[in-house]
Full PDB file with SEQRES, HELIX, SHEET, SSBOND, CRYST1, ORIGX, SCALE, CONECT and MASTER records, all heavy atoms in Angstrom:
SEQRES   1 A   35  THR GLN ILE THR ALA LEU GLN HIS ARG LEU GLY VAL THR          
SEQRES   2 A   35  THR VAL TYR VAL THR HIS ASP GLN VAL GLU ALA MET THR          
SEQRES   3 A   35  MET GLY ASP ARG VAL ALA VAL LEU LYS                          
HELIX    1 AA1 GLN A    2  LEU A   10  1                                   9    
HELIX    2 AA2 GLN A   21  MET A   27  1                                   7    
CRYST1    1.000    1.000    1.000  90.00  90.00  90.00 P 1           1          
ORIGX1      1.000000  0.000000  0.000000        0.00000                         
ORIGX2      0.000000  1.000000  0.000000        0.00000                         
ORIGX3      0.000000  0.000000  1.000000        0.00000                         
SCALE1      1.000000  0.000000  0.000000        0.00000                         
SCALE2      0.000000  1.000000  0.000000        0.00000                         
SCALE3      0.000000  0.000000  1.000000        0.00000                         
ATOM      1  N   THR A   1    -108.847 228.282 147.842  1.00  0.00           N  
ATOM      2  CA  THR A   1    -108.656 229.524 148.582  1.00  0.00           C  
ATOM      3  C   THR A   1    -109.592 229.579 149.791  1.00  0.00           C  
ATOM      4  O   THR A   1    -109.217 230.079 150.856  1.00  0.00           O  
ATOM      5  CB  THR A   1    -108.893 230.753 147.684  1.00  0.00           C  
ATOM      6  OG1 THR A   1    -110.223 230.721 147.174  1.00  0.00           O  
ATOM      7  CG2 THR A   1    -107.912 230.762 146.524  1.00  0.00           C  
ATOM      8  N   GLN A   2    -110.808 229.033 149.629  1.00  0.00           N  
ATOM      9  CA  GLN A   2    -111.755 228.997 150.745  1.00  0.00           C  
ATOM     10  C   GLN A   2    -111.243 228.097 151.870  1.00  0.00           C  
ATOM     11  O   GLN A   2    -111.341 228.449 153.050  1.00  0.00           O  
ATOM     12  CB  GLN A   2    -113.118 228.512 150.257  1.00  0.00           C  
ATOM     13  CG  GLN A   2    -113.832 229.485 149.327  1.00  0.00           C  
ATOM     14  CD  GLN A   2    -115.087 228.897 148.729  1.00  0.00           C  
ATOM     15  OE1 GLN A   2    -115.272 227.682 148.675  1.00  0.00           O  
ATOM     16  NE2 GLN A   2    -115.973 229.764 148.250  1.00  0.00           N  
ATOM     17  N   ILE A   3    -110.692 226.940 151.496  1.00  0.00           N  
ATOM     18  CA  ILE A   3    -110.177 226.017 152.521  1.00  0.00           C  
ATOM     19  C   ILE A   3    -109.001 226.637 153.256  1.00  0.00           C  
ATOM     20  O   ILE A   3    -108.897 226.552 154.493  1.00  0.00           O  
ATOM     21  CB  ILE A   3    -109.773 224.667 151.883  1.00  0.00           C  
ATOM     22  CG1 ILE A   3    -111.017 223.901 151.420  1.00  0.00           C  
ATOM     23  CG2 ILE A   3    -108.961 223.821 152.861  1.00  0.00           C  
ATOM     24  CD1 ILE A   3    -110.711 222.616 150.690  1.00  0.00           C  
ATOM     25  N   THR A   4    -108.097 227.281 152.516  1.00  0.00           N  
ATOM     26  CA  THR A   4    -106.934 227.905 153.147  1.00  0.00           C  
ATOM     27  C   THR A   4    -107.361 229.007 154.103  1.00  0.00           C  
ATOM     28  O   THR A   4    -106.872 229.077 155.247  1.00  0.00           O  
ATOM     29  CB  THR A   4    -105.995 228.486 152.072  1.00  0.00           C  
ATOM     30  OG1 THR A   4    -105.634 227.454 151.142  1.00  0.00           O  
ATOM     31  CG2 THR A   4    -104.732 229.047 152.699  1.00  0.00           C  
ATOM     32  N   ALA A   5    -108.281 229.866 153.668  1.00  0.00           N  
ATOM     33  CA  ALA A   5    -108.760 230.949 154.536  1.00  0.00           C  
ATOM     34  C   ALA A   5    -109.473 230.390 155.757  1.00  0.00           C  
ATOM     35  O   ALA A   5    -109.303 230.892 156.878  1.00  0.00           O  
ATOM     36  CB  ALA A   5    -109.692 231.867 153.741  1.00  0.00           C  
ATOM     37  N   LEU A   6    -110.256 229.329 155.552  1.00  0.00           N  
ATOM     38  CA  LEU A   6    -110.990 228.706 156.657  1.00  0.00           C  
ATOM     39  C   LEU A   6    -110.033 228.107 157.685  1.00  0.00           C  
ATOM     40  O   LEU A   6    -110.207 228.279 158.900  1.00  0.00           O  
ATOM     41  CB  LEU A   6    -111.914 227.626 156.099  1.00  0.00           C  
ATOM     42  CG  LEU A   6    -112.720 226.818 157.117  1.00  0.00           C  
ATOM     43  CD1 LEU A   6    -113.695 227.734 157.850  1.00  0.00           C  
ATOM     44  CD2 LEU A   6    -113.469 225.684 156.423  1.00  0.00           C  
ATOM     45  N   GLN A   7    -108.995 227.425 157.204  1.00  0.00           N  
ATOM     46  CA  GLN A   7    -108.042 226.816 158.137  1.00  0.00           C  
ATOM     47  C   GLN A   7    -107.316 227.877 158.953  1.00  0.00           C  
ATOM     48  O   GLN A   7    -107.130 227.725 160.168  1.00  0.00           O  
ATOM     49  CB  GLN A   7    -107.034 225.960 157.347  1.00  0.00           C  
ATOM     50  CG  GLN A   7    -106.178 225.047 158.217  1.00  0.00           C  
ATOM     51  CD  GLN A   7    -104.952 225.735 158.786  1.00  0.00           C  
ATOM     52  OE1 GLN A   7    -104.485 226.731 158.236  1.00  0.00           O  
ATOM     53  NE2 GLN A   7    -104.417 225.195 159.873  1.00  0.00           N  
ATOM     54  N   HIS A   8    -106.926 228.957 158.311  1.00  0.00           N  
ATOM     55  CA  HIS A   8    -106.243 230.031 159.038  1.00  0.00           C  
ATOM     56  C   HIS A   8    -107.185 230.670 160.065  1.00  0.00           C  
ATOM     57  O   HIS A   8    -106.747 231.054 161.149  1.00  0.00           O  
ATOM     58  CB  HIS A   8    -105.732 231.088 158.062  1.00  0.00           C  
ATOM     59  CG  HIS A   8    -104.560 230.615 157.260  1.00  0.00           C  
ATOM     60  ND1 HIS A   8    -104.175 231.203 156.076  1.00  0.00           N  
ATOM     61  CD2 HIS A   8    -103.685 229.599 157.471  1.00  0.00           C  
ATOM     62  CE1 HIS A   8    -103.109 230.573 155.589  1.00  0.00           C  
ATOM     63  NE2 HIS A   8    -102.810 229.597 156.416  1.00  0.00           N  
ATOM     64  N   ARG A   9    -108.456 230.746 159.727  1.00  0.00           N  
ATOM     65  CA  ARG A   9    -109.434 231.333 160.646  1.00  0.00           C  
ATOM     66  C   ARG A   9    -109.663 230.422 161.852  1.00  0.00           C  
ATOM     67  O   ARG A   9    -109.718 230.902 162.992  1.00  0.00           O  
ATOM     68  CB  ARG A   9    -110.748 231.562 159.897  1.00  0.00           C  
ATOM     69  CG  ARG A   9    -111.859 232.116 160.777  1.00  0.00           C  
ATOM     70  CD  ARG A   9    -113.100 232.380 159.952  1.00  0.00           C  
ATOM     71  NE  ARG A   9    -114.207 232.831 160.768  1.00  0.00           N  
ATOM     72  CZ  ARG A   9    -115.397 233.131 160.291  1.00  0.00           C  
ATOM     73  NH1 ARG A   9    -115.633 233.048 158.993  1.00  0.00           N  
ATOM     74  NH2 ARG A   9    -116.360 233.522 161.097  1.00  0.00           N  
ATOM     75  N   LEU A  10    -109.787 229.133 161.615  1.00  0.00           N  
ATOM     76  CA  LEU A  10    -110.063 228.196 162.709  1.00  0.00           C  
ATOM     77  C   LEU A  10    -108.812 227.843 163.500  1.00  0.00           C  
ATOM     78  O   LEU A  10    -108.885 227.503 164.681  1.00  0.00           O  
ATOM     79  CB  LEU A  10    -110.697 226.911 162.156  1.00  0.00           C  
ATOM     80  CG  LEU A  10    -112.052 227.071 161.445  1.00  0.00           C  
ATOM     81  CD1 LEU A  10    -112.487 225.741 160.842  1.00  0.00           C  
ATOM     82  CD2 LEU A  10    -113.107 227.593 162.420  1.00  0.00           C  
ATOM     83  N   GLY A  11    -107.647 227.888 162.838  1.00  0.00           N  
ATOM     84  CA  GLY A  11    -106.395 227.581 163.526  1.00  0.00           C  
ATOM     85  C   GLY A  11    -106.229 226.126 163.914  1.00  0.00           C  
ATOM     86  O   GLY A  11    -105.471 225.814 164.836  1.00  0.00           O  
ATOM     87  N   VAL A  12    -106.922 225.227 163.220  1.00  0.00           N  
ATOM     88  CA  VAL A  12    -106.831 223.804 163.539  1.00  0.00           C  
ATOM     89  C   VAL A  12    -105.696 223.156 162.746  1.00  0.00           C  
ATOM     90  O   VAL A  12    -105.578 223.381 161.534  1.00  0.00           O  
ATOM     91  CB  VAL A  12    -108.162 223.084 163.231  1.00  0.00           C  
ATOM     92  CG1 VAL A  12    -108.057 221.592 163.529  1.00  0.00           C  
ATOM     93  CG2 VAL A  12    -109.293 223.711 164.036  1.00  0.00           C  
ATOM     94  N   THR A  13    -104.874 222.369 163.416  1.00  0.00           N  
ATOM     95  CA  THR A  13    -103.811 221.627 162.740  1.00  0.00           C  
ATOM     96  C   THR A  13    -104.417 220.803 161.607  1.00  0.00           C  
ATOM     97  O   THR A  13    -105.389 220.069 161.813  1.00  0.00           O  
ATOM     98  CB  THR A  13    -103.092 220.693 163.734  1.00  0.00           C  
ATOM     99  OG1 THR A  13    -102.667 221.459 164.861  1.00  0.00           O  
ATOM    100  CG2 THR A  13    -101.904 220.016 163.087  1.00  0.00           C  
ATOM    101  N   THR A  14    -103.863 220.926 160.408  1.00  0.00           N  
ATOM    102  CA  THR A  14    -104.457 220.290 159.233  1.00  0.00           C  
ATOM    103  C   THR A  14    -103.391 219.565 158.421  1.00  0.00           C  
ATOM    104  O   THR A  14    -102.330 220.122 158.145  1.00  0.00           O  
ATOM    105  CB  THR A  14    -105.150 221.340 158.335  1.00  0.00           C  
ATOM    106  OG1 THR A  14    -106.174 221.994 159.085  1.00  0.00           O  
ATOM    107  CG2 THR A  14    -105.760 220.698 157.098  1.00  0.00           C  
ATOM    108  N   VAL A  15    -103.690 218.314 158.070  1.00  0.00           N  
ATOM    109  CA  VAL A  15    -102.838 217.538 157.172  1.00  0.00           C  
ATOM    110  C   VAL A  15    -103.654 217.266 155.911  1.00  0.00           C  
ATOM    111  O   VAL A  15    -104.744 216.690 155.979  1.00  0.00           O  
ATOM    112  CB  VAL A  15    -102.381 216.220 157.814  1.00  0.00           C  
ATOM    113  CG1 VAL A  15    -101.409 215.499 156.883  1.00  0.00           C  
ATOM    114  CG2 VAL A  15    -101.724 216.476 159.165  1.00  0.00           C  
ATOM    115  N   TYR A  16    -103.109 217.691 154.774  1.00  0.00           N  
ATOM    116  CA  TYR A  16    -103.852 217.708 153.512  1.00  0.00           C  
ATOM    117  C   TYR A  16    -103.054 216.924 152.473  1.00  0.00           C  
ATOM    118  O   TYR A  16    -101.857 217.163 152.289  1.00  0.00           O  
ATOM    119  CB  TYR A  16    -104.015 219.166 153.076  1.00  0.00           C  
ATOM    120  CG  TYR A  16    -104.842 219.436 151.856  1.00  0.00           C  
ATOM    121  CD1 TYR A  16    -106.122 219.957 151.962  1.00  0.00           C  
ATOM    122  CD2 TYR A  16    -104.342 219.220 150.572  1.00  0.00           C  
ATOM    123  CE1 TYR A  16    -106.882 220.259 150.833  1.00  0.00           C  
ATOM    124  CE2 TYR A  16    -105.098 219.501 149.441  1.00  0.00           C  
ATOM    125  CZ  TYR A  16    -106.361 220.019 149.576  1.00  0.00           C  
ATOM    126  OH  TYR A  16    -107.118 220.306 148.458  1.00  0.00           O  
ATOM    127  N   VAL A  17    -103.708 215.998 151.798  1.00  0.00           N  
ATOM    128  CA  VAL A  17    -103.054 215.164 150.782  1.00  0.00           C  
ATOM    129  C   VAL A  17    -103.497 215.599 149.398  1.00  0.00           C  
ATOM    130  O   VAL A  17    -104.693 215.807 149.140  1.00  0.00           O  
ATOM    131  CB  VAL A  17    -103.393 213.675 151.003  1.00  0.00           C  
ATOM    132  CG1 VAL A  17    -103.106 212.855 149.741  1.00  0.00           C  
ATOM    133  CG2 VAL A  17    -102.598 213.115 152.168  1.00  0.00           C  
ATOM    134  N   THR A  18    -102.529 215.747 148.487  1.00  0.00           N  
ATOM    135  CA  THR A  18    -102.839 216.024 147.084  1.00  0.00           C  
ATOM    136  C   THR A  18    -101.709 215.500 146.204  1.00  0.00           C  
ATOM    137  O   THR A  18    -100.570 215.368 146.660  1.00  0.00           O  
ATOM    138  CB  THR A  18    -103.033 217.538 146.835  1.00  0.00           C  
ATOM    139  OG1 THR A  18    -103.353 217.748 145.457  1.00  0.00           O  
ATOM    140  CG2 THR A  18    -101.782 218.325 147.174  1.00  0.00           C  
ATOM    141  N   HIS A  19    -102.035 215.207 144.951  1.00  0.00           N  
ATOM    142  CA  HIS A  19    -100.995 214.867 143.971  1.00  0.00           C  
ATOM    143  C   HIS A  19    -100.629 216.087 143.139  1.00  0.00           C  
ATOM    144  O   HIS A  19     -99.688 216.053 142.348  1.00  0.00           O  
ATOM    145  CB  HIS A  19    -101.486 213.748 143.037  1.00  0.00           C  
ATOM    146  CG  HIS A  19    -102.617 214.186 142.155  1.00  0.00           C  
ATOM    147  ND1 HIS A  19    -103.926 214.184 142.581  1.00  0.00           N  
ATOM    148  CD2 HIS A  19    -102.640 214.680 140.892  1.00  0.00           C  
ATOM    149  CE1 HIS A  19    -104.701 214.653 141.606  1.00  0.00           C  
ATOM    150  NE2 HIS A  19    -103.950 214.958 140.576  1.00  0.00           N  
ATOM    151  N   ASP A  20    -101.380 217.179 143.334  1.00  0.00           N  
ATOM    152  CA  ASP A  20    -101.223 218.392 142.531  1.00  0.00           C  
ATOM    153  C   ASP A  20    -100.244 219.334 143.226  1.00  0.00           C  
ATOM    154  O   ASP A  20    -100.567 219.940 144.252  1.00  0.00           O  
ATOM    155  CB  ASP A  20    -102.596 219.047 142.373  1.00  0.00           C  
ATOM    156  CG  ASP A  20    -102.568 220.275 141.461  1.00  0.00           C  
ATOM    157  OD1 ASP A  20    -101.489 220.890 141.322  1.00  0.00           O  
ATOM    158  OD2 ASP A  20    -103.634 220.619 140.910  1.00  0.00           O  
ATOM    159  N   GLN A  21     -99.053 219.494 142.647  1.00  0.00           N  
ATOM    160  CA  GLN A  21     -98.044 220.303 143.324  1.00  0.00           C  
ATOM    161  C   GLN A  21     -98.395 221.786 143.330  1.00  0.00           C  
ATOM    162  O   GLN A  21     -97.987 222.519 144.228  1.00  0.00           O  
ATOM    163  CB  GLN A  21     -96.657 220.055 142.725  1.00  0.00           C  
ATOM    164  CG  GLN A  21     -96.516 220.280 141.241  1.00  0.00           C  
ATOM    165  CD  GLN A  21     -96.092 221.691 140.908  1.00  0.00           C  
ATOM    166  OE1 GLN A  21     -95.627 222.411 141.754  1.00  0.00           O  
ATOM    167  NE2 GLN A  21     -96.267 222.064 139.661  1.00  0.00           N  
ATOM    168  N   VAL A  22     -99.180 222.263 142.355  1.00  0.00           N  
ATOM    169  CA  VAL A  22     -99.624 223.659 142.391  1.00  0.00           C  
ATOM    170  C   VAL A  22    -100.555 223.872 143.590  1.00  0.00           C  
ATOM    171  O   VAL A  22    -100.450 224.864 144.319  1.00  0.00           O  
ATOM    172  CB  VAL A  22    -100.328 224.052 141.078  1.00  0.00           C  
ATOM    173  CG1 VAL A  22    -100.930 225.452 141.184  1.00  0.00           C  
ATOM    174  CG2 VAL A  22     -99.354 223.968 139.911  1.00  0.00           C  
ATOM    175  N   GLU A  23    -101.463 222.918 143.810  1.00  0.00           N  
ATOM    176  CA  GLU A  23    -102.345 222.960 144.977  1.00  0.00           C  
ATOM    177  C   GLU A  23    -101.521 222.973 146.266  1.00  0.00           C  
ATOM    178  O   GLU A  23    -101.789 223.742 147.194  1.00  0.00           O  
ATOM    179  CB  GLU A  23    -103.251 221.722 144.936  1.00  0.00           C  
ATOM    180  CG  GLU A  23    -104.571 221.856 145.658  1.00  0.00           C  
ATOM    181  CD  GLU A  23    -105.482 220.682 145.310  1.00  0.00           C  
ATOM    182  OE1 GLU A  23    -106.107 220.720 144.239  1.00  0.00           O  
ATOM    183  OE2 GLU A  23    -105.549 219.731 146.106  1.00  0.00           O  
ATOM    184  N   ALA A  24    -100.506 222.128 146.308  1.00  0.00           N  
ATOM    185  CA  ALA A  24     -99.660 222.037 147.502  1.00  0.00           C  
ATOM    186  C   ALA A  24     -98.947 223.354 147.771  1.00  0.00           C  
ATOM    187  O   ALA A  24     -98.919 223.853 148.908  1.00  0.00           O  
ATOM    188  CB  ALA A  24     -98.639 220.915 147.330  1.00  0.00           C  
ATOM    189  N   MET A  25     -98.377 223.949 146.724  1.00  0.00           N  
ATOM    190  CA  MET A  25     -97.586 225.155 146.900  1.00  0.00           C  
ATOM    191  C   MET A  25     -98.449 226.358 147.289  1.00  0.00           C  
ATOM    192  O   MET A  25     -97.988 227.248 148.010  1.00  0.00           O  
ATOM    193  CB  MET A  25     -96.834 225.471 145.607  1.00  0.00           C  
ATOM    194  CG  MET A  25     -95.802 224.425 145.215  1.00  0.00           C  
ATOM    195  SD  MET A  25     -94.325 224.512 146.211  1.00  0.00           S  
ATOM    196  CE  MET A  25     -93.485 225.891 145.447  1.00  0.00           C  
ATOM    197  N   THR A  26     -99.688 226.394 146.842  1.00  0.00           N  
ATOM    198  CA  THR A  26    -100.533 227.553 147.118  1.00  0.00           C  
ATOM    199  C   THR A  26    -101.264 227.442 148.448  1.00  0.00           C  
ATOM    200  O   THR A  26    -101.742 228.454 148.975  1.00  0.00           O  
ATOM    201  CB  THR A  26    -101.580 227.754 146.004  1.00  0.00           C  
ATOM    202  OG1 THR A  26    -102.318 226.535 145.823  1.00  0.00           O  
ATOM    203  CG2 THR A  26    -100.923 228.136 144.695  1.00  0.00           C  
ATOM    204  N   MET A  27    -101.359 226.240 149.027  1.00  0.00           N  
ATOM    205  CA  MET A  27    -102.172 226.048 150.224  1.00  0.00           C  
ATOM    206  C   MET A  27    -101.354 225.855 151.495  1.00  0.00           C  
ATOM    207  O   MET A  27    -101.747 226.316 152.568  1.00  0.00           O  
ATOM    208  CB  MET A  27    -103.105 224.847 150.041  1.00  0.00           C  
ATOM    209  CG  MET A  27    -104.132 225.008 148.941  1.00  0.00           C  
ATOM    210  SD  MET A  27    -105.243 223.612 148.767  1.00  0.00           S  
ATOM    211  CE  MET A  27    -106.336 223.838 150.179  1.00  0.00           C  
ATOM    212  N   GLY A  28    -100.232 225.168 151.417  1.00  0.00           N  
ATOM    213  CA  GLY A  28     -99.560 224.725 152.624  1.00  0.00           C  
ATOM    214  C   GLY A  28     -98.669 225.772 153.276  1.00  0.00           C  
ATOM    215  O   GLY A  28     -97.988 226.539 152.590  1.00  0.00           O  
ATOM    216  N   ASP A  29     -98.658 225.806 154.635  1.00  0.00           N  
ATOM    217  CA  ASP A  29     -97.613 226.531 155.354  1.00  0.00           C  
ATOM    218  C   ASP A  29     -96.275 225.844 155.095  1.00  0.00           C  
ATOM    219  O   ASP A  29     -95.251 226.498 154.918  1.00  0.00           O  
ATOM    220  CB  ASP A  29     -97.890 226.535 156.863  1.00  0.00           C  
ATOM    221  CG  ASP A  29     -99.193 227.246 157.209  1.00  0.00           C  
ATOM    222  OD1 ASP A  29     -99.510 228.250 156.545  1.00  0.00           O  
ATOM    223  OD2 ASP A  29     -99.892 226.795 158.136  1.00  0.00           O  
ATOM    224  N   ARG A  30     -96.326 224.502 155.107  1.00  0.00           N  
ATOM    225  CA  ARG A  30     -95.185 223.692 154.695  1.00  0.00           C  
ATOM    226  C   ARG A  30     -95.688 222.570 153.799  1.00  0.00           C  
ATOM    227  O   ARG A  30     -96.848 222.174 153.867  1.00  0.00           O  
ATOM    228  CB  ARG A  30     -94.462 223.072 155.908  1.00  0.00           C  
ATOM    229  CG  ARG A  30     -93.504 224.010 156.615  1.00  0.00           C  
ATOM    230  CD  ARG A  30     -92.612 223.238 157.595  1.00  0.00           C  
ATOM    231  NE  ARG A  30     -93.402 222.417 158.493  1.00  0.00           N  
ATOM    232  CZ  ARG A  30     -92.990 221.238 158.965  1.00  0.00           C  
ATOM    233  NH1 ARG A  30     -91.830 220.732 158.598  1.00  0.00           N  
ATOM    234  NH2 ARG A  30     -93.756 220.553 159.795  1.00  0.00           N  
ATOM    235  N   VAL A  31     -94.778 222.058 152.982  1.00  0.00           N  
ATOM    236  CA  VAL A  31     -95.108 220.971 152.055  1.00  0.00           C  
ATOM    237  C   VAL A  31     -94.103 219.849 152.270  1.00  0.00           C  
ATOM    238  O   VAL A  31     -92.896 220.090 152.321  1.00  0.00           O  
ATOM    239  CB  VAL A  31     -95.055 221.453 150.589  1.00  0.00           C  
ATOM    240  CG1 VAL A  31     -95.358 220.304 149.640  1.00  0.00           C  
ATOM    241  CG2 VAL A  31     -96.029 222.613 150.371  1.00  0.00           C  
ATOM    242  N   ALA A  32     -94.616 218.629 152.411  1.00  0.00           N  
ATOM    243  CA  ALA A  32     -93.765 217.446 152.553  1.00  0.00           C  
ATOM    244  C   ALA A  32     -93.865 216.633 151.270  1.00  0.00           C  
ATOM    245  O   ALA A  32     -94.958 216.211 150.883  1.00  0.00           O  
ATOM    246  CB  ALA A  32     -94.186 216.604 153.753  1.00  0.00           C  
ATOM    247  N   VAL A  33     -92.742 216.430 150.604  1.00  0.00           N  
ATOM    248  CA  VAL A  33     -92.696 215.712 149.322  1.00  0.00           C  
ATOM    249  C   VAL A  33     -92.267 214.274 149.575  1.00  0.00           C  
ATOM    250  O   VAL A  33     -91.215 214.029 150.180  1.00  0.00           O  
ATOM    251  CB  VAL A  33     -91.713 216.391 148.346  1.00  0.00           C  
ATOM    252  CG1 VAL A  33     -91.735 215.683 146.999  1.00  0.00           C  
ATOM    253  CG2 VAL A  33     -92.052 217.864 148.174  1.00  0.00           C  
ATOM    254  N   LEU A  34     -93.084 213.320 149.111  1.00  0.00           N  
ATOM    255  CA  LEU A  34     -92.782 211.905 149.281  1.00  0.00           C  
ATOM    256  C   LEU A  34     -92.529 211.242 147.937  1.00  0.00           C  
ATOM    257  O   LEU A  34     -93.113 211.629 146.920  1.00  0.00           O  
ATOM    258  CB  LEU A  34     -93.921 211.172 149.992  1.00  0.00           C  
ATOM    259  CG  LEU A  34     -94.036 211.354 151.502  1.00  0.00           C  
ATOM    260  CD1 LEU A  34     -94.771 212.654 151.820  1.00  0.00           C  
ATOM    261  CD2 LEU A  34     -94.763 210.185 152.153  1.00  0.00           C  
ATOM    262  N   LYS A  35     -91.690 210.236 147.964  1.00  0.00           N  
ATOM    263  CA  LYS A  35     -91.439 209.400 146.787  1.00  0.00           C  
ATOM    264  C   LYS A  35     -91.174 207.981 147.269  1.00  0.00           C  
ATOM    265  O   LYS A  35     -90.319 207.760 148.136  1.00  0.00           O  
ATOM    266  CB  LYS A  35     -90.235 209.912 146.000  1.00  0.00           C  
ATOM    267  CG  LYS A  35     -89.887 209.041 144.791  1.00  0.00           C  
ATOM    268  CD  LYS A  35     -88.536 209.401 144.222  1.00  0.00           C  
ATOM    269  CE  LYS A  35     -88.171 208.480 143.066  1.00  0.00           C  
ATOM    270  NZ  LYS A  35     -86.755 208.609 142.686  1.00  0.00           N  
TER     271      LYS A  35                                                      
MASTER        0    0    0    2    0    0    0    6  270    1    0    3          
END                                                                             
């Protein structure tokens, strides 16, 4: 939640990698799913 709030405050383009889909769904403006 701190990272998400910080990114919105700074407004910097951010690319974030995770294997945790709950993390992805709660943090991203958009989510890209790869297989």
